[in-house]
Amino acid sequence: MVHLLYKTVIYLHVISVVASIGPFFILLPMTQKLRTASESILPSYLDTFRFSVRLSKHSGHVLVGTGILLVLLGPWTWTTPWIIMTLVIMFCSLFFLARAFSPTLRKFGEDDADRDRLVGKLHRTVWIYLILLLAMLWFMVVKPGMWV
């Protein structure tokens, strides 16, 4: 029974990873559409960005919760190198996410907004956040023994 519970938590953990990372791959081509979007279409693109960031945040909550359960129920300890590195990157990504998207998305509504500069910033921000998320995924999948 414990084995089934553990496998279920792994499944939920993986689903939350997909929900956290996946939407950002859709946002990459969408940043280019923001450059030329008419004023009537622009809000729908910006809403998609906001939704994706919100989905990633909430999926991250599930990700952290299931990750804690996996450490408590599984064979690893909190001092395992790949867990420590994942946590370090996760805390960095939390600070990054908190300051990366919302302020830039709000600036699109300002009258004197430089759309090209804002789109460039969003594009760069999506890439940075994707790299952070994919680095965490790499540590979780590969589980390198960096120091032992």
Protein backbone atom coordinates (compact mmCIF):
# COMPACT_ATOMS: atom_id res chain seq x y z
CA MET A 1 0.00 0.00 0.00
CA VAL A 2 2.86 2.38 0.85
CA HIS A 3 4.45 1.59 -2.51
CA LEU A 4 1.24 2.59 -4.33
CA LEU A 5 1.05 5.83 -2.33
CA TYR A 6 4.68 6.62 -3.18
CA LYS A 7 4.11 5.95 -6.91
CA THR A 8 0.99 8.15 -6.83
CA VAL A 9 2.94 11.00 -5.26
CA ILE A 10 5.64 10.60 -7.94
CA TYR A 11 2.92 10.78 -10.60
CA LEU A 12 1.47 13.97 -9.08
CA HIS A 13 4.97 15.41 -8.81
CA VAL A 14 5.66 14.77 -12.51
CA ILE A 15 2.27 16.20 -13.57
CA SER A 16 2.99 19.36 -11.56
CA VAL A 17 6.39 19.66 -13.29
CA VAL A 18 4.69 19.47 -16.68
CA ALA A 19 2.13 22.09 -15.64
CA SER A 20 4.89 24.33 -14.28
CA ILE A 21 7.20 24.20 -17.29
CA GLY A 22 4.92 23.51 -20.26
CA PRO A 23 3.11 26.84 -20.56
CA PHE A 24 6.36 28.75 -20.92
CA PHE A 25 7.14 26.98 -24.19
CA ILE A 26 3.89 28.42 -25.57
CA LEU A 27 4.85 31.89 -24.36
CA LEU A 28 8.08 31.99 -26.37
CA PRO A 29 6.44 32.35 -29.81
CA MET A 30 3.71 34.47 -28.26
CA THR A 31 6.23 37.14 -27.30
CA GLN A 32 6.83 37.75 -31.00
CA LYS A 33 3.08 38.13 -31.57
CA LEU A 34 3.01 40.83 -28.85
CA ARG A 35 5.20 43.06 -31.02
CA THR A 36 2.60 43.36 -33.77
CA ALA A 37 -0.66 42.67 -31.94
CA SER A 38 -3.36 45.28 -32.37
CA GLU A 39 -4.64 47.10 -29.30
CA SER A 40 -7.81 45.00 -29.42
CA ILE A 41 -5.91 41.67 -29.40
CA LEU A 42 -3.12 42.68 -27.00
CA PRO A 43 -5.16 42.12 -23.79
CA SER A 44 -5.86 38.49 -24.72
CA TYR A 45 -2.13 37.81 -25.18
CA LEU A 46 -1.34 39.51 -21.89
CA ASP A 47 -4.08 37.49 -20.16
CA THR A 48 -2.49 34.32 -21.52
CA PHE A 49 0.84 35.39 -20.01
CA ARG A 50 -0.81 36.11 -16.66
CA PHE A 51 -2.65 32.78 -16.71
CA SER A 52 0.53 30.88 -17.54
CA VAL A 53 2.45 32.53 -14.71
CA ARG A 54 -0.42 31.83 -12.30
CA LEU A 55 -0.63 28.20 -13.46
CA SER A 56 3.11 27.81 -12.96
CA LYS A 57 2.89 29.28 -9.45
CA HIS A 58 0.05 26.99 -8.38
CA SER A 59 1.65 23.96 -10.00
CA GLY A 60 4.77 24.90 -8.09
CA HIS A 61 2.82 24.62 -4.85
CA VAL A 62 1.83 21.06 -5.75
CA LEU A 63 5.40 20.41 -6.88
CA VAL A 64 6.86 21.52 -3.55
CA GLY A 65 4.25 19.62 -1.54
CA THR A 66 4.76 16.39 -3.41
CA GLY A 67 8.53 16.88 -3.34
CA ILE A 68 8.45 17.13 0.45
CA LEU A 69 6.34 13.98 0.62
CA LEU A 70 8.74 12.15 -1.69
CA VAL A 71 11.68 12.99 0.54
CA LEU A 72 9.76 11.97 3.67
CA LEU A 73 8.49 8.71 2.14
CA GLY A 74 11.45 7.86 -0.09
CA PRO A 75 15.05 6.76 0.17
CA TRP A 76 16.63 10.25 -0.03
CA THR A 77 17.50 12.73 2.71
CA TRP A 78 17.49 16.52 2.71
CA THR A 79 21.31 16.46 2.48
CA THR A 80 21.34 14.60 -0.84
CA PRO A 81 23.33 16.79 -3.29
CA TRP A 82 20.73 16.87 -6.09
CA ILE A 83 17.99 17.78 -3.60
CA ILE A 84 20.07 20.62 -2.17
CA MET A 85 20.85 21.98 -5.65
CA THR A 86 17.20 21.70 -6.67
CA LEU A 87 16.17 23.64 -3.57
CA VAL A 88 18.80 26.34 -4.19
CA ILE A 89 17.60 26.81 -7.77
CA MET A 90 13.97 26.70 -6.62
CA PHE A 91 14.51 29.54 -4.14
CA CYS A 92 16.28 31.57 -6.83
CA SER A 93 13.42 30.95 -9.24
CA LEU A 94 10.86 32.01 -6.62
CA PHE A 95 12.53 35.39 -6.23
CA PHE A 96 12.88 35.68 -9.98
CA LEU A 97 9.24 34.76 -10.67
CA ALA A 98 7.97 37.20 -8.06
CA ARG A 99 9.69 40.11 -9.78
CA ALA A 100 9.90 39.01 -13.41
CA PHE A 101 6.52 38.94 -15.09
CA SER A 102 3.85 40.96 -13.28
CA PRO A 103 5.64 44.35 -13.30
CA THR A 104 6.47 44.02 -17.00
CA LEU A 105 2.95 42.91 -17.91
CA ARG A 106 1.50 45.88 -16.00
CA LYS A 107 3.67 48.30 -17.99
CA PHE A 108 1.93 47.28 -21.22
CA GLY A 109 -1.11 49.21 -19.98
CA GLU A 110 0.78 52.48 -19.62
CA ASP A 111 0.32 55.11 -22.32
CA ASP A 112 4.03 55.74 -22.86
CA ALA A 113 5.00 52.05 -22.86
CA ASP A 114 7.80 51.05 -25.26
CA ARG A 115 6.28 47.82 -26.56
CA ASP A 116 9.44 46.56 -28.28
CA ARG A 117 11.49 46.98 -25.10
CA LEU A 118 8.80 45.30 -22.97
CA VAL A 119 8.45 42.40 -25.42
CA GLY A 120 12.23 41.95 -25.44
CA LYS A 121 12.25 41.92 -21.65
CA LEU A 122 9.41 39.37 -21.54
CA HIS A 123 11.14 37.15 -24.09
CA ARG A 124 14.40 37.24 -22.11
CA THR A 125 12.50 36.62 -18.86
CA VAL A 126 10.72 33.57 -20.28
CA TRP A 127 14.07 32.11 -21.38
CA ILE A 128 15.72 32.75 -18.01
CA TYR A 129 12.82 31.21 -16.13
CA LEU A 130 12.74 28.20 -18.47
CA ILE A 131 16.46 27.65 -17.92
CA LEU A 132 15.93 27.75 -14.14
CA LEU A 133 13.03 25.29 -14.35
CA LEU A 134 14.87 22.96 -16.71
CA ALA A 135 17.95 23.02 -14.46
CA MET A 136 15.77 21.88 -11.55
CA LEU A 137 14.26 19.20 -13.77
CA TRP A 138 17.74 18.03 -14.75
CA PHE A 139 18.76 17.62 -11.10
CA MET A 140 15.56 15.71 -10.32
CA VAL A 141 15.91 13.36 -13.29
CA VAL A 142 19.69 12.78 -13.39
CA LYS A 143 20.23 12.87 -9.61
CA PRO A 144 23.97 13.57 -9.89
CA GLY A 145 26.17 12.78 -6.90
CA MET A 146 28.05 16.07 -6.89
CA TRP A 147 29.67 15.62 -3.50
CA VAL A 148 29.40 12.58 -1.35
